[in-house]
Amino acid sequence: MEIELKYRIPSPEIADEIWKDKLFFHMEEDESREEICLNAKYYDTQDGDLAKNEIAYRVRKEGCRFAAALKWKGHSEGALHMREEINVPVADDKPLPEVFRESELGGKFLELIDGKPLYCMLETKVHRKQFRIDTGSGIFELSLDQGWIITPYGEDVISEVELELFSGETEELEKLGQALREKYSLEKEERSKYARGMEIIERSGKETNACGAPSI
């Protein structure tokens, strides 16, 4: 289960202030700060079988590594996002559904696509700065994301901060998020990057024609 808070950042200057802030300094894990490039592709069939069943299939380059992910049963309550997730290391960013065969969701995933070709629906290109927070009762990760959502029908800017729960209680996650939100007057982001990209595609009236899929 992935549990995280997501807020919009109004400007690059605010992002820099959050990164340099000492708000969580006394709880920050030593040497946990890092910067990484995350380039992701989201795949579906030409008929949108996964989107219709609220399943997202992502393959992401994380620095020098690649990881495939299935996400499902997602819902949000304001800034709080909760969803089931499976991650599997892979060799590259090409779709390889068979890597999920051993899981229950993987079996459903393979049934849904039924051997159909998978196409890239949208991409995200993100520069992420992150560090971990250890409160003594929970482990959390703060991530600052700057980048782009890219579809054949338009693009959108990514500028957000995420607080993810690794271990501990959701109540403590929300307390940390409230402190951050109040200090910087941040707005709740109720949509995932994938959902925002799909909105761009749907507004085009071409939601059933995936990126790179043959025209119909």
N, C-alpha and C. Protein backbone atom coordinates (compact mmCIF):
# COMPACT_ATOMS: atom_id res chain seq x y z
N MET A 1 0.84 -1.20 0.00
CA MET A 1 0.00 0.00 0.00
C MET A 1 0.88 1.25 0.00
N GLU A 2 0.68 2.12 -0.98
CA GLU A 2 1.38 3.41 -1.04
C GLU A 2 0.47 4.46 -0.41
N ILE A 3 1.01 5.18 0.58
CA ILE A 3 0.26 6.24 1.27
C ILE A 3 1.11 7.49 1.26
N GLU A 4 0.59 8.57 0.69
CA GLU A 4 1.37 9.79 0.61
C GLU A 4 0.47 11.01 0.57
N LEU A 5 1.05 12.14 0.97
CA LEU A 5 0.43 13.45 0.83
C LEU A 5 1.07 14.15 -0.35
N LYS A 6 0.27 14.94 -1.07
CA LYS A 6 0.77 15.61 -2.26
C LYS A 6 0.26 17.05 -2.25
N TYR A 7 1.20 18.01 -2.41
CA TYR A 7 0.84 19.43 -2.45
C TYR A 7 1.48 20.10 -3.66
N ARG A 8 0.77 21.07 -4.23
CA ARG A 8 1.31 21.87 -5.33
C ARG A 8 2.27 22.92 -4.79
N ILE A 9 3.37 23.14 -5.49
CA ILE A 9 4.34 24.18 -5.13
C ILE A 9 4.14 25.34 -6.10
N PRO A 10 3.89 26.55 -5.62
CA PRO A 10 3.55 27.67 -6.50
C PRO A 10 4.70 28.20 -7.35
N SER A 11 5.96 27.98 -6.93
CA SER A 11 7.08 28.54 -7.69
C SER A 11 8.36 27.78 -7.39
N PRO A 12 9.36 27.84 -8.30
CA PRO A 12 10.65 27.21 -8.03
C PRO A 12 11.33 27.78 -6.79
N GLU A 13 11.07 29.05 -6.51
CA GLU A 13 11.68 29.68 -5.33
C GLU A 13 11.17 29.03 -4.04
N ILE A 14 9.87 28.72 -4.00
CA ILE A 14 9.30 28.04 -2.83
C ILE A 14 9.88 26.64 -2.70
N ALA A 15 10.07 25.97 -3.84
CA ALA A 15 10.68 24.63 -3.81
C ALA A 15 12.08 24.70 -3.20
N ASP A 16 12.85 25.69 -3.59
CA ASP A 16 14.20 25.86 -3.03
C ASP A 16 14.14 26.13 -1.53
N GLU A 17 13.17 26.94 -1.11
CA GLU A 17 13.03 27.25 0.32
C GLU A 17 12.70 25.99 1.13
N ILE A 18 11.81 25.16 0.59
CA ILE A 18 11.46 23.91 1.29
C ILE A 18 12.68 23.01 1.40
N TRP A 19 13.46 22.91 0.33
CA TRP A 19 14.65 22.06 0.31
C TRP A 19 15.69 22.52 1.34
N LYS A 20 15.81 23.83 1.53
CA LYS A 20 16.81 24.38 2.45
C LYS A 20 16.28 24.56 3.87
N ASP A 21 14.98 24.38 4.04
CA ASP A 21 14.33 24.64 5.33
C ASP A 21 14.83 23.67 6.40
N LYS A 22 14.80 24.13 7.64
CA LYS A 22 15.19 23.31 8.79
C LYS A 22 13.97 22.77 9.54
N LEU A 23 12.80 22.84 8.88
CA LEU A 23 11.56 22.44 9.53
C LEU A 23 11.64 21.03 10.10
N PHE A 24 12.23 20.10 9.32
CA PHE A 24 12.34 18.71 9.75
C PHE A 24 13.79 18.30 10.03
N PHE A 25 14.67 19.31 10.19
CA PHE A 25 16.10 19.04 10.29
C PHE A 25 16.45 18.10 11.44
N HIS A 26 15.81 18.29 12.58
CA HIS A 26 16.15 17.47 13.75
C HIS A 26 15.68 16.03 13.60
N MET A 27 14.85 15.75 12.59
CA MET A 27 14.36 14.39 12.35
C MET A 27 14.92 13.78 11.07
N GLU A 28 15.75 14.54 10.36
CA GLU A 28 16.24 14.07 9.06
C GLU A 28 17.29 12.98 9.23
N GLU A 29 17.16 11.90 8.44
CA GLU A 29 18.14 10.82 8.47
C GLU A 29 19.46 11.31 7.88
N ASP A 30 20.56 10.97 8.54
CA ASP A 30 21.88 11.37 8.05
C ASP A 30 22.13 10.81 6.65
N GLU A 31 22.68 11.66 5.80
CA GLU A 31 23.10 11.29 4.45
C GLU A 31 21.97 10.69 3.61
N SER A 32 20.74 11.10 3.89
CA SER A 32 19.62 10.58 3.10
C SER A 32 19.25 11.50 1.94
N ARG A 33 19.84 12.69 1.89
CA ARG A 33 19.50 13.62 0.81
C ARG A 33 20.10 13.15 -0.51
N GLU A 34 19.27 13.21 -1.55
CA GLU A 34 19.75 12.86 -2.88
C GLU A 34 18.90 13.53 -3.94
N GLU A 35 19.47 13.63 -5.14
CA GLU A 35 18.75 14.14 -6.30
C GLU A 35 18.80 13.07 -7.38
N ILE A 36 17.67 12.89 -8.06
CA ILE A 36 17.58 11.80 -9.03
C ILE A 36 16.65 12.21 -10.17
N CYS A 37 16.93 11.74 -11.37
CA CYS A 37 16.05 11.95 -12.51
C CYS A 37 15.14 10.74 -12.66
N LEU A 38 13.84 10.99 -12.81
CA LEU A 38 12.84 9.95 -12.95
C LEU A 38 12.10 10.15 -14.27
N ASN A 39 12.31 9.26 -15.21
CA ASN A 39 11.63 9.33 -16.50
C ASN A 39 10.71 8.13 -16.63
N ALA A 40 9.41 8.37 -16.67
CA ALA A 40 8.42 7.28 -16.63
C ALA A 40 7.57 7.26 -17.89
N LYS A 41 7.18 6.05 -18.28
CA LYS A 41 6.22 5.84 -19.36
C LYS A 41 5.05 5.03 -18.82
N TYR A 42 3.83 5.46 -19.15
CA TYR A 42 2.62 4.77 -18.72
C TYR A 42 2.00 4.08 -19.93
N TYR A 43 1.73 2.78 -19.79
CA TYR A 43 1.27 1.98 -20.92
C TYR A 43 -0.17 1.51 -20.74
N ASP A 44 -0.83 1.30 -21.90
CA ASP A 44 -2.17 0.73 -21.91
C ASP A 44 -2.38 0.13 -23.30
N THR A 45 -3.47 -0.62 -23.45
CA THR A 45 -3.85 -1.11 -24.77
C THR A 45 -4.46 0.03 -25.57
N GLN A 46 -4.60 -0.17 -26.85
CA GLN A 46 -5.22 0.87 -27.68
C GLN A 46 -6.66 1.12 -27.24
N ASP A 47 -7.30 0.11 -26.69
CA ASP A 47 -8.69 0.25 -26.23
C ASP A 47 -8.80 0.81 -24.82
N GLY A 48 -7.66 1.06 -24.17
CA GLY A 48 -7.69 1.62 -22.82
C GLY A 48 -8.22 0.67 -21.77
N ASP A 49 -7.90 -0.63 -21.92
CA ASP A 49 -8.44 -1.63 -20.99
C ASP A 49 -8.00 -1.40 -19.55
N LEU A 50 -6.78 -0.95 -19.35
CA LEU A 50 -6.30 -0.72 -17.98
C LEU A 50 -6.97 0.51 -17.38
N ALA A 51 -7.04 1.59 -18.12
CA ALA A 51 -7.67 2.81 -17.60
C ALA A 51 -9.12 2.55 -17.23
N LYS A 52 -9.81 1.76 -18.04
CA LYS A 52 -11.21 1.45 -17.77
C LYS A 52 -11.38 0.69 -16.45
N ASN A 53 -10.33 -0.04 -16.05
CA ASN A 53 -10.38 -0.82 -14.81
C ASN A 53 -9.56 -0.17 -13.69
N GLU A 54 -9.22 1.11 -13.89
CA GLU A 54 -8.51 1.91 -12.87
C GLU A 54 -7.20 1.26 -12.45
N ILE A 55 -6.47 0.75 -13.44
CA ILE A 55 -5.14 0.19 -13.22
C ILE A 55 -4.14 1.02 -14.01
N ALA A 56 -3.04 1.40 -13.39
CA ALA A 56 -1.96 2.12 -14.06
C ALA A 56 -0.74 1.21 -14.16
N TYR A 57 -0.17 1.13 -15.35
CA TYR A 57 1.06 0.35 -15.58
C TYR A 57 2.16 1.31 -15.99
N ARG A 58 3.16 1.42 -15.15
CA ARG A 58 4.25 2.38 -15.36
C ARG A 58 5.58 1.66 -15.41
N VAL A 59 6.45 2.10 -16.34
CA VAL A 59 7.84 1.65 -16.34
C VAL A 59 8.70 2.91 -16.23
N ARG A 60 9.55 2.96 -15.21
CA ARG A 60 10.27 4.19 -14.91
C ARG A 60 11.77 3.97 -14.81
N LYS A 61 12.52 4.87 -15.41
CA LYS A 61 13.97 4.90 -15.22
C LYS A 61 14.25 5.76 -14.00
N GLU A 62 14.91 5.16 -13.01
CA GLU A 62 15.20 5.83 -11.75
C GLU A 62 16.72 5.94 -11.61
N GLY A 63 17.27 7.04 -12.11
CA GLY A 63 18.72 7.14 -12.16
C GLY A 63 19.24 6.20 -13.23
N CYS A 64 19.98 5.16 -12.83
CA CYS A 64 20.52 4.18 -13.77
C CYS A 64 19.73 2.88 -13.76
N ARG A 65 18.66 2.81 -12.96
CA ARG A 65 17.88 1.58 -12.84
C ARG A 65 16.49 1.77 -13.45
N PHE A 66 15.85 0.64 -13.74
CA PHE A 66 14.49 0.65 -14.25
C PHE A 66 13.59 -0.17 -13.33
N ALA A 67 12.36 0.29 -13.16
CA ALA A 67 11.40 -0.44 -12.34
C ALA A 67 10.02 -0.34 -12.99
N ALA A 68 9.32 -1.48 -13.01
CA ALA A 68 7.94 -1.52 -13.50
C ALA A 68 7.00 -1.51 -12.30
N ALA A 69 5.86 -0.84 -12.43
CA ALA A 69 4.91 -0.75 -11.32
C ALA A 69 3.48 -0.92 -11.83
N LEU A 70 2.70 -1.63 -11.04
CA LEU A 70 1.25 -1.68 -11.22
C LEU A 70 0.62 -0.97 -10.04
N LYS A 71 -0.34 -0.08 -10.32
CA LYS A 71 -1.05 0.64 -9.26
C LYS A 71 -2.54 0.47 -9.48
N TRP A 72 -3.28 0.24 -8.39
CA TRP A 72 -4.72 0.03 -8.52
C TRP A 72 -5.42 0.37 -7.20
N LYS A 73 -6.74 0.38 -7.26
CA LYS A 73 -7.57 0.72 -6.11
C LYS A 73 -7.15 2.06 -5.51
N GLY A 74 -6.80 2.99 -6.36
CA GLY A 74 -6.36 4.29 -5.88
C GLY A 74 -7.52 5.19 -5.53
N HIS A 75 -7.35 5.97 -4.46
CA HIS A 75 -8.32 7.01 -4.14
C HIS A 75 -7.61 8.10 -3.35
N SER A 76 -8.19 9.29 -3.37
CA SER A 76 -7.58 10.40 -2.65
C SER A 76 -8.64 11.08 -1.81
N GLU A 77 -8.18 11.62 -0.68
CA GLU A 77 -9.02 12.42 0.21
C GLU A 77 -8.27 13.72 0.45
N GLY A 78 -8.55 14.72 -0.39
CA GLY A 78 -7.78 15.94 -0.34
C GLY A 78 -6.37 15.66 -0.83
N ALA A 79 -5.37 15.97 0.00
CA ALA A 79 -3.98 15.75 -0.37
C ALA A 79 -3.52 14.32 -0.13
N LEU A 80 -4.32 13.52 0.59
CA LEU A 80 -3.92 12.16 0.96
C LEU A 80 -4.26 11.19 -0.16
N HIS A 81 -3.23 10.49 -0.67
CA HIS A 81 -3.40 9.50 -1.73
C HIS A 81 -3.06 8.12 -1.18
N MET A 82 -3.93 7.15 -1.46
CA MET A 82 -3.71 5.77 -1.00
C MET A 82 -4.00 4.83 -2.17
N ARG A 83 -3.11 3.89 -2.43
CA ARG A 83 -3.33 2.93 -3.50
C ARG A 83 -2.44 1.72 -3.30
N GLU A 84 -2.91 0.59 -3.81
CA GLU A 84 -2.10 -0.62 -3.82
C GLU A 84 -1.05 -0.49 -4.91
N GLU A 85 0.11 -1.09 -4.68
CA GLU A 85 1.20 -0.94 -5.65
C GLU A 85 2.13 -2.14 -5.59
N ILE A 86 2.57 -2.59 -6.77
CA ILE A 86 3.60 -3.62 -6.90
C ILE A 86 4.72 -3.04 -7.74
N ASN A 87 5.98 -3.20 -7.30
CA ASN A 87 7.14 -2.75 -8.06
C ASN A 87 8.07 -3.93 -8.34
N VAL A 88 8.58 -3.99 -9.57
CA VAL A 88 9.48 -5.07 -9.98
C VAL A 88 10.64 -4.47 -10.77
N PRO A 89 11.91 -4.79 -10.43
CA PRO A 89 13.03 -4.32 -11.25
C PRO A 89 12.96 -4.92 -12.65
N VAL A 90 13.29 -4.12 -13.65
CA VAL A 90 13.31 -4.59 -15.04
C VAL A 90 14.56 -4.06 -15.73
N ALA A 91 14.80 -4.54 -16.96
CA ALA A 91 16.05 -4.21 -17.66
C ALA A 91 15.99 -2.88 -18.39
N ASP A 92 14.79 -2.47 -18.87
CA ASP A 92 14.68 -1.22 -19.63
C ASP A 92 13.24 -0.72 -19.54
N ASP A 93 12.92 0.30 -20.34
CA ASP A 93 11.59 0.91 -20.22
C ASP A 93 10.57 0.32 -21.19
N LYS A 94 10.87 -0.82 -21.80
CA LYS A 94 9.91 -1.48 -22.68
C LYS A 94 8.86 -2.22 -21.85
N PRO A 95 7.62 -2.26 -22.29
CA PRO A 95 6.58 -2.98 -21.54
C PRO A 95 6.85 -4.48 -21.54
N LEU A 96 6.80 -5.09 -20.37
CA LEU A 96 7.02 -6.52 -20.21
C LEU A 96 6.03 -7.03 -19.15
N PRO A 97 4.77 -7.21 -19.53
CA PRO A 97 3.73 -7.57 -18.56
C PRO A 97 4.02 -8.85 -17.79
N GLU A 98 4.77 -9.77 -18.38
CA GLU A 98 5.00 -11.07 -17.76
C GLU A 98 5.71 -11.00 -16.41
N VAL A 99 6.37 -9.88 -16.12
CA VAL A 99 7.10 -9.78 -14.85
C VAL A 99 6.16 -9.79 -13.65
N PHE A 100 4.87 -9.55 -13.88
CA PHE A 100 3.90 -9.51 -12.79
C PHE A 100 3.10 -10.81 -12.69
N ARG A 101 3.46 -11.81 -13.45
CA ARG A 101 2.66 -13.03 -13.56
C ARG A 101 2.41 -13.70 -12.22
N GLU A 102 3.36 -13.65 -11.29
CA GLU A 102 3.25 -14.40 -10.04
C GLU A 102 2.33 -13.75 -9.01
N SER A 103 1.90 -12.51 -9.25
CA SER A 103 1.05 -11.84 -8.27
C SER A 103 -0.42 -11.97 -8.67
N GLU A 104 -1.31 -11.80 -7.70
CA GLU A 104 -2.75 -11.89 -7.97
C GLU A 104 -3.19 -10.81 -8.93
N LEU A 105 -2.75 -9.57 -8.67
CA LEU A 105 -3.11 -8.48 -9.58
C LEU A 105 -2.49 -8.70 -10.95
N GLY A 106 -1.25 -9.24 -10.95
CA GLY A 106 -0.60 -9.50 -12.23
C GLY A 106 -1.41 -10.42 -13.11
N GLY A 107 -2.03 -11.43 -12.48
CA GLY A 107 -2.87 -12.34 -13.25
C GLY A 107 -4.06 -11.61 -13.86
N LYS A 108 -4.69 -10.72 -13.08
CA LYS A 108 -5.82 -9.94 -13.60
C LYS A 108 -5.34 -9.01 -14.71
N PHE A 109 -4.19 -8.40 -14.51
CA PHE A 109 -3.59 -7.50 -15.49
C PHE A 109 -3.40 -8.22 -16.82
N LEU A 110 -2.83 -9.42 -16.79
CA LEU A 110 -2.59 -10.17 -18.02
C LEU A 110 -3.90 -10.59 -18.68
N GLU A 111 -4.91 -10.92 -17.88
CA GLU A 111 -6.22 -11.25 -18.44
C GLU A 111 -6.83 -10.05 -19.15
N LEU A 112 -6.69 -8.88 -18.54
CA LEU A 112 -7.29 -7.68 -19.12
C LEU A 112 -6.67 -7.32 -20.47
N ILE A 113 -5.36 -7.39 -20.56
CA ILE A 113 -4.72 -7.00 -21.81
C ILE A 113 -4.81 -8.12 -22.85
N ASP A 114 -4.92 -9.37 -22.38
CA ASP A 114 -5.20 -10.52 -23.26
C ASP A 114 -4.28 -10.57 -24.47
N GLY A 115 -2.99 -10.31 -24.23
CA GLY A 115 -2.01 -10.40 -25.30
C GLY A 115 -2.00 -9.23 -26.27
N LYS A 116 -2.82 -8.20 -26.02
CA LYS A 116 -2.85 -7.04 -26.91
C LYS A 116 -1.55 -6.24 -26.81
N PRO A 117 -1.14 -5.58 -27.87
CA PRO A 117 0.03 -4.69 -27.79
C PRO A 117 -0.22 -3.57 -26.78
N LEU A 118 0.85 -3.14 -26.12
CA LEU A 118 0.77 -2.03 -25.18
C LEU A 118 1.48 -0.82 -25.78
N TYR A 119 0.87 0.34 -25.60
CA TYR A 119 1.41 1.58 -26.14
C TYR A 119 1.62 2.59 -25.02
N CYS A 120 2.58 3.49 -25.22
CA CYS A 120 2.83 4.54 -24.25
C CYS A 120 1.71 5.57 -24.32
N MET A 121 0.96 5.71 -23.22
CA MET A 121 -0.13 6.68 -23.17
C MET A 121 0.39 8.09 -22.89
N LEU A 122 1.37 8.16 -21.97
CA LEU A 122 1.93 9.46 -21.60
C LEU A 122 3.26 9.24 -20.91
N GLU A 123 4.03 10.30 -20.78
CA GLU A 123 5.33 10.24 -20.11
C GLU A 123 5.41 11.33 -19.04
N THR A 124 6.25 11.08 -18.05
CA THR A 124 6.61 12.12 -17.09
C THR A 124 8.12 12.19 -17.00
N LYS A 125 8.63 13.40 -16.95
CA LYS A 125 10.07 13.63 -16.79
C LYS A 125 10.25 14.53 -15.57
N VAL A 126 10.90 13.98 -14.55
CA VAL A 126 10.96 14.64 -13.25
C VAL A 126 12.38 14.69 -12.72
N HIS A 127 12.73 15.86 -12.17
CA HIS A 127 13.94 15.98 -11.36
C HIS A 127 13.49 16.00 -9.90
N ARG A 128 13.90 15.00 -9.15
CA ARG A 128 13.44 14.85 -7.76
C ARG A 128 14.57 15.08 -6.77
N LYS A 129 14.27 15.88 -5.74
CA LYS A 129 15.12 16.03 -4.58
C LYS A 129 14.40 15.39 -3.40
N GLN A 130 15.09 14.58 -2.62
CA GLN A 130 14.39 13.87 -1.55
C GLN A 130 15.30 13.63 -0.35
N PHE A 131 14.64 13.47 0.80
CA PHE A 131 15.34 13.03 2.00
C PHE A 131 14.34 12.33 2.91
N ARG A 132 14.88 11.56 3.86
CA ARG A 132 14.02 10.78 4.76
C ARG A 132 13.92 11.44 6.13
N ILE A 133 12.77 11.22 6.75
CA ILE A 133 12.48 11.76 8.07
C ILE A 133 12.21 10.60 9.02
N ASP A 134 12.92 10.59 10.14
CA ASP A 134 12.73 9.55 11.16
C ASP A 134 12.27 10.24 12.44
N THR A 135 11.00 10.05 12.78
CA THR A 135 10.44 10.72 13.96
C THR A 135 10.64 9.92 15.24
N GLY A 136 11.16 8.69 15.09
CA GLY A 136 11.26 7.79 16.24
C GLY A 136 10.09 6.83 16.30
N SER A 137 8.97 7.24 15.74
CA SER A 137 7.79 6.37 15.68
C SER A 137 7.37 6.08 14.25
N GLY A 138 8.02 6.72 13.29
CA GLY A 138 7.68 6.52 11.89
C GLY A 138 8.80 6.96 10.96
N ILE A 139 8.82 6.39 9.77
CA ILE A 139 9.77 6.76 8.73
C ILE A 139 8.98 7.33 7.55
N PHE A 140 9.41 8.50 7.07
CA PHE A 140 8.73 9.19 5.99
C PHE A 140 9.76 9.69 4.98
N GLU A 141 9.31 9.97 3.77
CA GLU A 141 10.21 10.54 2.77
C GLU A 141 9.57 11.79 2.18
N LEU A 142 10.33 12.88 2.15
CA LEU A 142 9.89 14.12 1.52
C LEU A 142 10.54 14.22 0.15
N SER A 143 9.74 14.44 -0.88
CA SER A 143 10.25 14.55 -2.25
C SER A 143 9.75 15.83 -2.89
N LEU A 144 10.66 16.54 -3.53
CA LEU A 144 10.32 17.74 -4.30
C LEU A 144 10.47 17.40 -5.77
N ASP A 145 9.39 17.48 -6.52
CA ASP A 145 9.38 17.10 -7.93
C ASP A 145 9.17 18.31 -8.82
N GLN A 146 10.07 18.48 -9.79
CA GLN A 146 9.95 19.53 -10.80
C GLN A 146 10.10 18.86 -12.16
N GLY A 147 9.17 19.12 -13.08
CA GLY A 147 9.29 18.49 -14.39
C GLY A 147 8.06 18.69 -15.25
N TRP A 148 7.78 17.66 -16.09
CA TRP A 148 6.72 17.77 -17.10
C TRP A 148 5.93 16.49 -17.23
N ILE A 149 4.63 16.64 -17.49
CA ILE A 149 3.77 15.56 -17.97
C ILE A 149 3.64 15.77 -19.47
N ILE A 150 3.90 14.73 -20.25
CA ILE A 150 3.95 14.87 -21.71
C ILE A 150 3.00 13.88 -22.37
N THR A 151 2.09 14.40 -23.20
CA THR A 151 1.21 13.57 -24.01
C THR A 151 1.24 14.10 -25.44
N PRO A 152 0.74 13.34 -26.42
CA PRO A 152 0.69 13.85 -27.79
C PRO A 152 -0.27 15.02 -27.94
N TYR A 153 -1.12 15.26 -26.94
CA TYR A 153 -2.17 16.26 -27.06
C TYR A 153 -1.96 17.46 -26.15
N GLY A 154 -0.80 17.53 -25.52
CA GLY A 154 -0.50 18.65 -24.65
C GLY A 154 0.40 18.25 -23.51
N GLU A 155 0.91 19.25 -22.80
CA GLU A 155 1.82 19.03 -21.69
C GLU A 155 1.36 19.82 -20.47
N ASP A 156 1.89 19.45 -19.31
CA ASP A 156 1.58 20.19 -18.09
C ASP A 156 2.81 20.16 -17.19
N VAL A 157 2.96 21.23 -16.41
CA VAL A 157 4.12 21.36 -15.53
C VAL A 157 3.91 20.56 -14.25
N ILE A 158 4.96 19.91 -13.79
CA ILE A 158 4.97 19.25 -12.48
C ILE A 158 5.77 20.12 -11.52
N SER A 159 5.14 20.53 -10.44
CA SER A 159 5.82 21.27 -9.38
C SER A 159 5.09 20.94 -8.08
N GLU A 160 5.59 19.93 -7.38
CA GLU A 160 4.87 19.45 -6.21
C GLU A 160 5.81 18.86 -5.18
N VAL A 161 5.31 18.75 -3.97
CA VAL A 161 6.04 18.11 -2.88
C VAL A 161 5.19 16.95 -2.38
N GLU A 162 5.84 15.82 -2.15
CA GLU A 162 5.18 14.64 -1.63
C GLU A 162 5.79 14.24 -0.29
N LEU A 163 4.95 13.79 0.60
CA LEU A 163 5.38 13.19 1.86
C LEU A 163 4.84 11.77 1.88
N GLU A 164 5.73 10.77 1.83
CA GLU A 164 5.28 9.39 1.75
C GLU A 164 5.54 8.66 3.06
N LEU A 165 4.58 7.85 3.45
CA LEU A 165 4.68 7.04 4.66
C LEU A 165 5.38 5.73 4.33
N PHE A 166 6.53 5.48 4.97
CA PHE A 166 7.22 4.21 4.83
C PHE A 166 6.87 3.26 5.96
N SER A 167 6.83 3.79 7.18
CA SER A 167 6.41 3.01 8.34
C SER A 167 5.85 3.97 9.38
N GLY A 168 4.89 3.50 10.17
CA GLY A 168 4.28 4.36 11.17
C GLY A 168 2.79 4.55 10.91
N GLU A 169 2.24 5.66 11.39
CA GLU A 169 0.81 5.90 11.33
C GLU A 169 0.47 7.05 10.38
N THR A 170 -0.68 6.90 9.72
CA THR A 170 -1.15 7.93 8.80
C THR A 170 -1.36 9.26 9.52
N GLU A 171 -1.78 9.21 10.79
CA GLU A 171 -2.03 10.43 11.55
C GLU A 171 -0.76 11.26 11.68
N GLU A 172 0.37 10.61 11.87
CA GLU A 172 1.63 11.34 11.99
C GLU A 172 2.04 11.93 10.64
N LEU A 173 1.80 11.19 9.56
CA LEU A 173 2.04 11.72 8.22
C LEU A 173 1.26 12.99 8.00
N GLU A 174 -0.01 12.99 8.39
CA GLU A 174 -0.85 14.17 8.19
C GLU A 174 -0.39 15.33 9.06
N LYS A 175 0.14 15.04 10.23
CA LYS A 175 0.66 16.10 11.10
C LYS A 175 1.88 16.77 10.46
N LEU A 176 2.78 15.97 9.89
CA LEU A 176 3.95 16.53 9.21
C LEU A 176 3.51 17.36 8.00
N GLY A 177 2.55 16.81 7.25
CA GLY A 177 2.05 17.52 6.08
C GLY A 177 1.40 18.85 6.44
N GLN A 178 0.67 18.87 7.54
CA GLN A 178 0.01 20.11 7.97
C GLN A 178 1.03 21.18 8.30
N ALA A 179 2.13 20.78 8.98
CA ALA A 179 3.18 21.75 9.32
C ALA A 179 3.79 22.35 8.06
N LEU A 180 4.05 21.50 7.07
CA LEU A 180 4.63 21.97 5.82
C LEU A 180 3.65 22.85 5.04
N ARG A 181 2.42 22.41 4.98
CA ARG A 181 1.41 23.15 4.23
C ARG A 181 1.17 24.53 4.83
N GLU A 182 1.06 24.61 6.14
CA GLU A 182 0.77 25.88 6.79
C GLU A 182 1.93 26.86 6.64
N LYS A 183 3.16 26.37 6.71
CA LYS A 183 4.31 27.27 6.63
C LYS A 183 4.42 27.89 5.24
N TYR A 184 4.08 27.12 4.19
CA TYR A 184 4.27 27.61 2.83
C TYR A 184 2.96 27.85 2.08
N SER A 185 1.84 27.80 2.78
CA SER A 185 0.52 28.04 2.16
C SER A 185 0.34 27.19 0.90
N LEU A 186 0.64 25.92 1.02
CA LEU A 186 0.56 25.01 -0.12
C LEU A 186 -0.88 24.55 -0.35
N GLU A 187 -1.21 24.32 -1.61
CA GLU A 187 -2.53 23.81 -1.96
C GLU A 187 -2.48 22.29 -2.12
N LYS A 188 -3.55 21.63 -1.73
CA LYS A 188 -3.63 20.18 -1.87
C LYS A 188 -3.67 19.80 -3.35
N GLU A 189 -2.94 18.74 -3.70
CA GLU A 189 -3.00 18.19 -5.05
C GLU A 189 -3.75 16.86 -4.97
N GLU A 190 -4.97 16.85 -5.50
CA GLU A 190 -5.83 15.68 -5.40
C GLU A 190 -5.62 14.67 -6.53
N ARG A 191 -4.80 15.04 -7.53
CA ARG A 191 -4.61 14.17 -8.69
C ARG A 191 -3.18 13.64 -8.74
N SER A 192 -3.04 12.41 -9.17
CA SER A 192 -1.71 11.86 -9.43
C SER A 192 -1.19 12.42 -10.75
N LYS A 193 0.09 12.23 -11.02
CA LYS A 193 0.67 12.67 -12.29
C LYS A 193 -0.02 11.95 -13.45
N TYR A 194 -0.28 10.66 -13.27
CA TYR A 194 -0.95 9.88 -14.30
C TYR A 194 -2.35 10.43 -14.57
N ALA A 195 -3.09 10.70 -13.50
CA ALA A 195 -4.46 11.23 -13.66
C ALA A 195 -4.44 12.56 -14.39
N ARG A 196 -3.47 13.41 -14.09
CA ARG A 196 -3.38 14.70 -14.77
C ARG A 196 -3.10 14.50 -16.25
N GLY A 197 -2.23 13.55 -16.58
CA GLY A 197 -1.94 13.28 -17.98
C GLY A 197 -3.15 12.74 -18.71
N MET A 198 -3.89 11.85 -18.06
CA MET A 198 -5.08 11.29 -18.68
C MET A 198 -6.14 12.37 -18.91
N GLU A 199 -6.20 13.36 -18.04
CA GLU A 199 -7.15 14.46 -18.24
C GLU A 199 -6.82 15.23 -19.51
N ILE A 200 -5.53 15.42 -19.78
CA ILE A 200 -5.14 16.11 -21.01
C ILE A 200 -5.62 15.31 -22.23
N ILE A 201 -5.41 14.00 -22.20
CA ILE A 201 -5.82 13.14 -23.31
C ILE A 201 -7.34 13.14 -23.47
N GLU A 202 -8.06 13.04 -22.36
CA GLU A 202 -9.52 13.00 -22.41
C GLU A 202 -10.09 14.31 -22.94
N ARG A 203 -9.46 15.43 -22.57
CA ARG A 203 -9.94 16.73 -23.08
C ARG A 203 -9.78 16.83 -24.59
N SER A 204 -8.82 16.07 -25.14
CA SER A 204 -8.60 16.10 -26.59
C SER A 204 -9.68 15.33 -27.34
N GLY A 205 -10.46 14.51 -26.60
CA GLY A 205 -11.47 13.68 -27.24
C GLY A 205 -10.91 12.44 -27.87
N LYS A 206 -9.63 12.10 -27.54
CA LYS A 206 -8.97 10.95 -28.14
C LYS A 206 -8.48 9.99 -27.07
N GLU A 207 -9.30 9.80 -26.04
CA GLU A 207 -8.87 9.00 -24.90
C GLU A 207 -8.63 7.53 -25.24
N THR A 208 -9.16 7.04 -26.38
CA THR A 208 -8.98 5.64 -26.72
C THR A 208 -7.83 5.41 -27.68
N ASN A 209 -7.12 6.48 -28.06
CA ASN A 209 -6.02 6.34 -28.99
C ASN A 209 -4.71 6.63 -28.27
N ALA A 210 -3.99 5.58 -27.90
CA ALA A 210 -2.79 5.71 -27.11
C ALA A 210 -1.65 6.31 -27.91
N CYS A 211 -0.67 6.92 -27.18
CA CYS A 211 0.51 7.46 -27.85
C CYS A 211 1.21 6.35 -28.59
N GLY A 212 1.47 6.58 -29.86
CA GLY A 212 2.18 5.58 -30.63
C GLY A 212 1.28 4.50 -31.19
N ALA A 213 0.01 4.46 -30.80
CA ALA A 213 -0.90 3.45 -31.34
C ALA A 213 -1.30 3.85 -32.75
N PRO A 214 -1.61 2.86 -33.58
CA PRO A 214 -2.06 3.21 -34.92
C PRO A 214 -3.36 4.00 -34.88
N SER A 215 -3.52 4.94 -35.78
CA SER A 215 -4.76 5.72 -35.82
C SER A 215 -5.93 4.83 -36.20
N ILE A 216 -7.10 5.13 -35.61
CA ILE A 216 -8.28 4.32 -35.92
C ILE A 216 -9.42 5.25 -36.38
